[in-house]
N, C-alpha and C. Protein backbone atom coordinates (compact mmCIF):
# COMPACT_ATOMS: atom_id res chain seq x y z
N MET A 1 0.42 12.43 -6.72
CA MET A 1 -0.18 13.04 -5.52
C MET A 1 -0.64 14.41 -5.86
N SER A 2 -1.80 14.77 -5.31
CA SER A 2 -2.33 16.10 -5.45
C SER A 2 -2.75 16.63 -4.10
N ILE A 3 -2.71 17.95 -3.94
CA ILE A 3 -3.11 18.56 -2.65
C ILE A 3 -4.21 19.49 -2.96
N HIS A 4 -5.33 19.35 -2.18
CA HIS A 4 -6.54 20.22 -2.28
C HIS A 4 -6.74 20.78 -0.91
N GLY A 5 -6.41 22.08 -0.76
CA GLY A 5 -6.51 22.68 0.56
C GLY A 5 -5.55 22.06 1.49
N SER A 6 -6.10 21.45 2.56
CA SER A 6 -5.25 20.79 3.55
C SER A 6 -5.31 19.24 3.43
N VAL A 7 -5.81 18.73 2.33
CA VAL A 7 -5.95 17.25 2.15
C VAL A 7 -5.16 16.85 0.93
N ALA A 8 -4.25 15.88 1.16
CA ALA A 8 -3.43 15.33 0.06
C ALA A 8 -4.14 14.07 -0.40
N GLN A 9 -4.09 13.82 -1.75
CA GLN A 9 -4.65 12.64 -2.35
C GLN A 9 -3.53 11.89 -3.01
N LEU A 10 -3.22 10.66 -2.55
CA LEU A 10 -2.29 9.80 -3.15
C LEU A 10 -3.00 8.81 -3.99
N THR A 11 -2.83 8.80 -5.32
CA THR A 11 -3.59 7.87 -6.16
C THR A 11 -2.62 6.85 -6.81
N ILE A 12 -2.90 5.58 -6.61
CA ILE A 12 -2.17 4.50 -7.25
C ILE A 12 -2.65 4.44 -8.65
N CYS A 13 -1.72 4.56 -9.63
CA CYS A 13 -2.09 4.64 -11.02
C CYS A 13 -1.29 3.57 -11.83
N SER A 14 -1.80 2.33 -11.81
CA SER A 14 -1.17 1.28 -12.65
C SER A 14 -2.28 0.32 -13.08
N GLU A 15 -3.23 0.89 -13.77
CA GLU A 15 -4.43 0.12 -14.16
C GLU A 15 -4.03 -1.02 -15.12
N PRO A 16 -4.84 -2.02 -15.18
CA PRO A 16 -6.20 -2.12 -14.67
C PRO A 16 -6.36 -2.57 -13.25
N LEU A 17 -5.31 -3.27 -12.70
CA LEU A 17 -5.39 -3.83 -11.31
C LEU A 17 -4.58 -3.04 -10.31
N ASN A 18 -3.94 -1.95 -10.71
CA ASN A 18 -3.09 -1.12 -9.81
C ASN A 18 -2.13 -2.01 -8.98
N LEU A 19 -1.37 -2.88 -9.74
CA LEU A 19 -0.42 -3.67 -9.11
C LEU A 19 0.68 -2.80 -8.46
N LEU A 20 1.21 -3.27 -7.33
CA LEU A 20 2.25 -2.55 -6.69
C LEU A 20 3.63 -3.08 -7.03
N THR A 21 4.22 -2.45 -8.02
CA THR A 21 5.60 -2.83 -8.39
C THR A 21 6.52 -2.23 -7.32
N MET A 22 7.78 -2.65 -7.37
CA MET A 22 8.73 -2.07 -6.42
C MET A 22 8.95 -0.58 -6.71
N ALA A 23 8.83 -0.23 -8.02
CA ALA A 23 9.03 1.19 -8.38
C ALA A 23 7.88 2.07 -7.76
N ILE A 24 6.68 1.50 -7.84
CA ILE A 24 5.57 2.27 -7.25
C ILE A 24 5.66 2.35 -5.73
N ARG A 25 6.15 1.25 -5.12
CA ARG A 25 6.30 1.30 -3.67
C ARG A 25 7.39 2.31 -3.33
N ALA A 26 8.45 2.45 -4.07
CA ALA A 26 9.48 3.42 -3.78
C ALA A 26 8.91 4.82 -3.91
N GLU A 27 8.06 5.00 -4.92
CA GLU A 27 7.42 6.34 -5.16
C GLU A 27 6.50 6.67 -4.00
N ILE A 28 5.78 5.67 -3.48
CA ILE A 28 4.89 5.92 -2.31
C ILE A 28 5.72 6.29 -1.12
N GLU A 29 6.85 5.64 -0.90
CA GLU A 29 7.76 5.96 0.18
C GLU A 29 8.26 7.49 0.08
N GLN A 30 8.63 7.85 -1.13
CA GLN A 30 9.10 9.21 -1.35
C GLN A 30 7.99 10.21 -1.09
N ILE A 31 6.78 9.89 -1.54
CA ILE A 31 5.61 10.80 -1.32
C ILE A 31 5.40 10.92 0.15
N ALA A 32 5.48 9.81 0.92
CA ALA A 32 5.24 9.88 2.39
C ALA A 32 6.29 10.74 3.03
N THR A 33 7.52 10.66 2.60
CA THR A 33 8.59 11.54 3.19
C THR A 33 8.21 13.03 2.90
N THR A 34 7.76 13.27 1.70
CA THR A 34 7.40 14.67 1.32
C THR A 34 6.25 15.13 2.18
N LEU A 35 5.24 14.28 2.29
CA LEU A 35 4.03 14.68 3.09
C LEU A 35 4.34 14.83 4.57
N GLY A 36 5.26 14.03 5.08
CA GLY A 36 5.61 14.12 6.47
C GLY A 36 6.18 15.46 6.91
N SER A 37 6.80 16.14 5.95
CA SER A 37 7.39 17.46 6.27
C SER A 37 6.50 18.59 5.77
N ASN A 38 5.35 18.31 5.28
CA ASN A 38 4.39 19.35 4.81
C ASN A 38 3.42 19.77 5.89
N GLU A 39 3.67 20.83 6.57
CA GLU A 39 2.84 21.28 7.70
C GLU A 39 1.42 21.66 7.32
N SER A 40 1.19 21.99 6.09
CA SER A 40 -0.10 22.39 5.59
C SER A 40 -1.05 21.24 5.29
N VAL A 41 -0.48 20.05 5.16
CA VAL A 41 -1.37 18.91 4.89
C VAL A 41 -1.82 18.32 6.23
N ARG A 42 -3.15 18.26 6.37
CA ARG A 42 -3.78 17.81 7.63
C ARG A 42 -4.31 16.40 7.56
N ALA A 43 -4.52 15.87 6.36
CA ALA A 43 -4.98 14.50 6.19
C ALA A 43 -4.59 14.02 4.76
N VAL A 44 -4.50 12.64 4.63
CA VAL A 44 -4.11 12.01 3.38
C VAL A 44 -5.12 10.97 3.03
N VAL A 45 -5.60 11.02 1.80
CA VAL A 45 -6.51 10.01 1.24
C VAL A 45 -5.76 9.16 0.28
N VAL A 46 -5.71 7.88 0.42
CA VAL A 46 -5.05 6.96 -0.50
C VAL A 46 -6.16 6.31 -1.32
N THR A 47 -6.10 6.45 -2.64
CA THR A 47 -7.05 5.84 -3.52
C THR A 47 -6.37 5.29 -4.76
N ALA A 48 -7.12 4.92 -5.77
CA ALA A 48 -6.51 4.32 -6.93
C ALA A 48 -7.30 4.72 -8.19
N ALA A 49 -6.62 4.60 -9.31
CA ALA A 49 -7.25 4.90 -10.60
C ALA A 49 -8.17 3.77 -11.03
N GLY A 50 -9.10 4.10 -11.92
CA GLY A 50 -9.97 3.06 -12.46
C GLY A 50 -11.15 2.73 -11.56
N HIS A 51 -11.77 1.57 -11.89
CA HIS A 51 -12.92 1.14 -11.12
C HIS A 51 -12.83 -0.34 -10.77
N ARG A 52 -11.78 -1.00 -11.22
CA ARG A 52 -11.75 -2.47 -11.04
C ARG A 52 -11.05 -2.85 -9.74
N ALA A 53 -9.97 -2.11 -9.35
CA ALA A 53 -9.25 -2.54 -8.14
C ALA A 53 -8.59 -1.36 -7.49
N PHE A 54 -8.69 -1.28 -6.14
CA PHE A 54 -7.84 -0.39 -5.41
C PHE A 54 -6.41 -0.84 -5.62
N SER A 55 -6.14 -2.08 -5.40
CA SER A 55 -4.87 -2.70 -5.74
C SER A 55 -5.03 -4.23 -5.57
N ALA A 56 -4.68 -4.91 -6.60
CA ALA A 56 -4.64 -6.40 -6.53
C ALA A 56 -3.37 -6.92 -5.96
N GLY A 57 -2.55 -6.02 -5.37
CA GLY A 57 -1.35 -6.40 -4.69
C GLY A 57 -0.05 -6.32 -5.47
N SER A 58 0.92 -7.03 -5.03
CA SER A 58 2.22 -7.03 -5.61
C SER A 58 2.17 -7.71 -7.02
N ASP A 59 3.06 -7.24 -7.87
CA ASP A 59 3.24 -7.83 -9.20
C ASP A 59 4.03 -9.10 -9.03
N ILE A 60 3.43 -10.24 -9.08
CA ILE A 60 4.16 -11.50 -8.80
C ILE A 60 5.26 -11.80 -9.83
N ARG A 61 5.24 -11.08 -10.99
CA ARG A 61 6.27 -11.29 -11.94
C ARG A 61 7.58 -10.74 -11.41
N GLU A 62 7.55 -9.93 -10.40
CA GLU A 62 8.78 -9.38 -9.77
C GLU A 62 9.25 -10.21 -8.62
N PHE A 63 8.54 -11.25 -8.20
CA PHE A 63 8.96 -12.03 -7.09
C PHE A 63 10.30 -12.75 -7.37
N PRO A 64 11.22 -12.59 -6.41
CA PRO A 64 12.51 -13.29 -6.59
C PRO A 64 12.37 -14.77 -6.22
N SER A 65 13.30 -15.56 -6.71
CA SER A 65 13.24 -16.99 -6.44
C SER A 65 14.03 -17.39 -5.20
N GLY A 66 15.05 -16.69 -4.86
CA GLY A 66 15.92 -17.02 -3.72
C GLY A 66 15.38 -16.56 -2.42
N ARG A 67 15.72 -17.27 -1.33
CA ARG A 67 15.28 -16.95 0.01
C ARG A 67 15.75 -15.57 0.46
N ASP A 68 17.02 -15.27 0.30
CA ASP A 68 17.59 -13.99 0.73
C ASP A 68 16.98 -12.81 -0.07
N ALA A 69 16.85 -13.05 -1.35
CA ALA A 69 16.16 -11.96 -2.17
C ALA A 69 14.76 -11.80 -1.77
N GLY A 70 14.10 -12.84 -1.39
CA GLY A 70 12.70 -12.75 -0.95
C GLY A 70 12.57 -11.97 0.33
N ARG A 71 13.54 -12.22 1.30
CA ARG A 71 13.53 -11.45 2.56
C ARG A 71 13.80 -9.99 2.27
N GLU A 72 14.73 -9.69 1.37
CA GLU A 72 14.98 -8.28 1.05
C GLU A 72 13.80 -7.61 0.43
N ARG A 73 13.13 -8.31 -0.39
CA ARG A 73 11.89 -7.74 -1.03
C ARG A 73 10.82 -7.49 0.03
N ALA A 74 10.65 -8.43 0.99
CA ALA A 74 9.64 -8.22 2.03
C ALA A 74 10.01 -7.00 2.87
N LYS A 75 11.28 -6.78 3.13
CA LYS A 75 11.71 -5.60 3.90
C LYS A 75 11.34 -4.37 3.13
N ARG A 76 11.55 -4.30 1.82
CA ARG A 76 11.24 -3.13 1.00
C ARG A 76 9.74 -2.88 0.96
N GLU A 77 8.97 -3.96 0.90
CA GLU A 77 7.51 -3.83 0.87
C GLU A 77 7.04 -3.29 2.27
N GLN A 78 7.67 -3.80 3.31
CA GLN A 78 7.37 -3.35 4.63
C GLN A 78 7.69 -1.85 4.83
N ALA A 79 8.84 -1.47 4.27
CA ALA A 79 9.24 -0.06 4.44
C ALA A 79 8.23 0.89 3.80
N CYS A 80 7.59 0.47 2.71
CA CYS A 80 6.56 1.31 2.02
C CYS A 80 5.36 1.50 3.00
N CYS A 81 4.91 0.36 3.57
CA CYS A 81 3.76 0.41 4.50
C CYS A 81 4.13 1.19 5.73
N ASP A 82 5.37 0.99 6.26
CA ASP A 82 5.84 1.73 7.43
C ASP A 82 5.83 3.22 7.23
N ALA A 83 6.27 3.60 6.02
CA ALA A 83 6.32 5.05 5.70
C ALA A 83 4.96 5.70 5.77
N LEU A 84 3.90 4.98 5.38
CA LEU A 84 2.57 5.52 5.44
C LEU A 84 2.08 5.48 6.92
N ALA A 85 2.26 4.32 7.55
CA ALA A 85 1.79 4.15 8.91
C ALA A 85 2.42 5.19 9.92
N ASP A 86 3.73 5.62 9.58
CA ASP A 86 4.36 6.55 10.44
C ASP A 86 4.08 7.99 10.23
N LEU A 87 3.32 8.30 9.21
CA LEU A 87 2.98 9.71 8.99
C LEU A 87 2.20 10.29 10.17
N ARG A 88 2.43 11.51 10.43
CA ARG A 88 1.70 12.22 11.53
C ARG A 88 0.25 12.55 11.14
N GLN A 89 -0.01 12.72 9.88
CA GLN A 89 -1.34 13.01 9.40
C GLN A 89 -2.19 11.80 9.37
N PRO A 90 -3.50 11.93 9.65
CA PRO A 90 -4.42 10.77 9.55
C PRO A 90 -4.41 10.31 8.07
N MET A 91 -4.34 9.00 7.89
CA MET A 91 -4.38 8.34 6.54
C MET A 91 -5.71 7.68 6.37
N ILE A 92 -6.39 7.92 5.27
CA ILE A 92 -7.66 7.31 4.96
C ILE A 92 -7.50 6.57 3.65
N ALA A 93 -7.80 5.23 3.71
CA ALA A 93 -7.81 4.45 2.43
C ALA A 93 -9.19 4.39 1.89
N ALA A 94 -9.41 4.82 0.63
CA ALA A 94 -10.69 4.77 -0.04
C ALA A 94 -10.70 3.52 -0.89
N LEU A 95 -11.35 2.46 -0.42
CA LEU A 95 -11.24 1.12 -1.04
C LEU A 95 -12.44 0.80 -1.92
N PHE A 96 -12.10 0.12 -3.03
CA PHE A 96 -13.13 -0.35 -3.98
C PHE A 96 -12.55 -1.51 -4.75
N GLY A 97 -13.42 -2.33 -5.33
CA GLY A 97 -12.98 -3.47 -6.12
C GLY A 97 -12.06 -4.38 -5.34
N HIS A 98 -11.08 -4.95 -6.10
CA HIS A 98 -10.13 -5.89 -5.43
C HIS A 98 -9.15 -5.12 -4.54
N VAL A 99 -9.01 -5.52 -3.32
CA VAL A 99 -8.08 -5.04 -2.37
C VAL A 99 -7.38 -6.29 -1.83
N LEU A 100 -6.32 -6.66 -2.54
CA LEU A 100 -5.72 -7.97 -2.25
C LEU A 100 -4.21 -7.89 -1.92
N GLY A 101 -3.76 -8.79 -1.17
CA GLY A 101 -2.30 -8.95 -0.89
C GLY A 101 -1.69 -7.60 -0.43
N GLY A 102 -0.68 -7.16 -1.22
CA GLY A 102 0.00 -5.95 -0.91
C GLY A 102 -0.93 -4.73 -0.91
N GLY A 103 -1.99 -4.78 -1.69
CA GLY A 103 -3.01 -3.68 -1.66
C GLY A 103 -3.67 -3.61 -0.32
N LEU A 104 -4.02 -4.79 0.26
CA LEU A 104 -4.67 -4.78 1.59
C LEU A 104 -3.66 -4.38 2.62
N GLU A 105 -2.40 -4.85 2.47
CA GLU A 105 -1.33 -4.41 3.46
C GLU A 105 -1.20 -2.87 3.44
N LEU A 106 -1.23 -2.26 2.25
CA LEU A 106 -1.18 -0.86 2.13
C LEU A 106 -2.40 -0.19 2.81
N ALA A 107 -3.54 -0.77 2.63
CA ALA A 107 -4.77 -0.23 3.29
C ALA A 107 -4.67 -0.34 4.80
N LEU A 108 -4.13 -1.46 5.27
CA LEU A 108 -3.95 -1.67 6.74
C LEU A 108 -2.97 -0.69 7.34
N ALA A 109 -2.05 -0.17 6.54
CA ALA A 109 -1.06 0.84 7.03
C ALA A 109 -1.76 2.17 7.28
N CYS A 110 -2.96 2.34 6.74
CA CYS A 110 -3.70 3.64 6.93
C CYS A 110 -4.42 3.57 8.28
N ASP A 111 -4.79 4.76 8.77
CA ASP A 111 -5.52 4.83 10.04
C ASP A 111 -6.99 4.46 9.91
N PHE A 112 -7.57 4.78 8.76
CA PHE A 112 -8.98 4.52 8.50
C PHE A 112 -9.09 3.86 7.08
N ARG A 113 -10.11 2.98 6.99
CA ARG A 113 -10.39 2.34 5.72
C ARG A 113 -11.85 2.49 5.47
N ILE A 114 -12.17 3.13 4.36
CA ILE A 114 -13.62 3.26 3.95
C ILE A 114 -13.78 2.46 2.66
N ALA A 115 -14.70 1.45 2.66
CA ALA A 115 -14.89 0.58 1.51
C ALA A 115 -16.29 0.75 0.92
N ASP A 116 -16.32 0.76 -0.40
CA ASP A 116 -17.63 0.76 -1.07
C ASP A 116 -18.12 -0.65 -1.18
N ALA A 117 -19.33 -0.81 -1.69
CA ALA A 117 -19.97 -2.12 -1.82
C ALA A 117 -19.24 -3.11 -2.72
N THR A 118 -18.35 -2.62 -3.59
CA THR A 118 -17.67 -3.52 -4.51
C THR A 118 -16.36 -4.10 -3.91
N ALA A 119 -15.94 -3.59 -2.79
CA ALA A 119 -14.63 -4.03 -2.22
C ALA A 119 -14.62 -5.48 -1.82
N GLN A 120 -13.54 -6.17 -2.26
CA GLN A 120 -13.29 -7.56 -1.93
C GLN A 120 -11.88 -7.62 -1.35
N LEU A 121 -11.78 -7.94 -0.13
CA LEU A 121 -10.47 -7.92 0.56
C LEU A 121 -9.94 -9.34 0.83
N GLY A 122 -8.62 -9.48 0.74
CA GLY A 122 -8.07 -10.80 0.98
C GLY A 122 -6.55 -10.86 0.85
N PHE A 123 -6.00 -11.95 1.28
CA PHE A 123 -4.55 -12.24 1.19
C PHE A 123 -4.29 -13.50 0.38
N PRO A 124 -4.44 -13.40 -0.94
CA PRO A 124 -4.25 -14.64 -1.78
C PRO A 124 -2.80 -15.08 -1.81
N GLU A 125 -1.84 -14.37 -1.33
CA GLU A 125 -0.47 -14.77 -1.35
C GLU A 125 -0.19 -15.97 -0.54
N VAL A 126 -1.02 -16.27 0.46
CA VAL A 126 -0.81 -17.50 1.25
C VAL A 126 -0.89 -18.74 0.41
N LYS A 127 -1.64 -18.69 -0.72
CA LYS A 127 -1.68 -19.84 -1.62
C LYS A 127 -0.36 -19.97 -2.41
N LEU A 128 0.47 -18.92 -2.38
CA LEU A 128 1.76 -19.00 -3.05
C LEU A 128 2.85 -19.31 -2.05
N GLY A 129 2.51 -19.54 -0.79
CA GLY A 129 3.46 -19.77 0.27
C GLY A 129 4.20 -18.59 0.72
N VAL A 130 3.60 -17.39 0.57
CA VAL A 130 4.17 -16.10 0.97
C VAL A 130 3.40 -15.56 2.11
N PHE A 131 4.12 -15.16 3.17
CA PHE A 131 3.49 -14.58 4.34
C PHE A 131 3.30 -13.09 4.14
N PRO A 132 2.13 -12.53 4.47
CA PRO A 132 1.94 -11.07 4.32
C PRO A 132 3.02 -10.30 5.04
N ALA A 133 3.64 -9.31 4.34
CA ALA A 133 4.84 -8.58 4.91
C ALA A 133 4.40 -7.73 6.09
N VAL A 134 3.16 -7.29 6.18
CA VAL A 134 2.72 -6.46 7.24
C VAL A 134 2.91 -7.10 8.59
N ALA A 135 2.82 -8.42 8.64
CA ALA A 135 2.92 -9.14 9.89
C ALA A 135 4.24 -8.86 10.61
N GLU A 136 5.31 -8.57 9.89
CA GLU A 136 6.55 -8.25 10.51
C GLU A 136 6.49 -7.11 11.47
N ARG A 137 5.76 -6.05 11.12
CA ARG A 137 5.60 -4.92 11.99
C ARG A 137 4.81 -5.28 13.22
N SER A 138 3.91 -6.25 13.02
CA SER A 138 3.11 -6.71 14.16
C SER A 138 3.83 -7.54 15.17
N GLY A 139 5.04 -7.91 14.87
CA GLY A 139 5.88 -8.61 15.77
C GLY A 139 6.01 -10.11 15.51
N TYR A 140 5.41 -10.65 14.45
CA TYR A 140 5.55 -12.00 14.02
C TYR A 140 6.97 -12.22 13.58
N PRO A 141 7.49 -13.45 13.82
CA PRO A 141 8.89 -13.74 13.34
C PRO A 141 9.00 -13.70 11.92
N SER A 142 10.19 -13.35 11.35
CA SER A 142 10.41 -13.34 9.97
C SER A 142 11.03 -14.65 9.47
């Protein structure tokens, strides 16, 4: 994270696809906590390193095999998005390239989404039998 005047920039840095590991999600949650108490920050821009993907989503190599572990993971993923959505500052997602799965969920947690011509959005996890975690905040049953 960097702060320029009254604007904070949160950059996802796990190239080439900026996959959202659980460690990165925990770091995003921590940054959101820090930003929430920073009175001088008036807006937050969420972007990513590289040119290929804002985020291709969760790292499926981390997916647990058990039902209970899967529910716990979904709760942790949701907590990351909730931390951003609950910030008092306006959140702007600067989207480019692949914006998939957890990356799209992260973008949807922001107040505004600005996409360039290369942006491709989607939820490919449905092909894996996984329901997008953001839906839980929307009131869908878990």
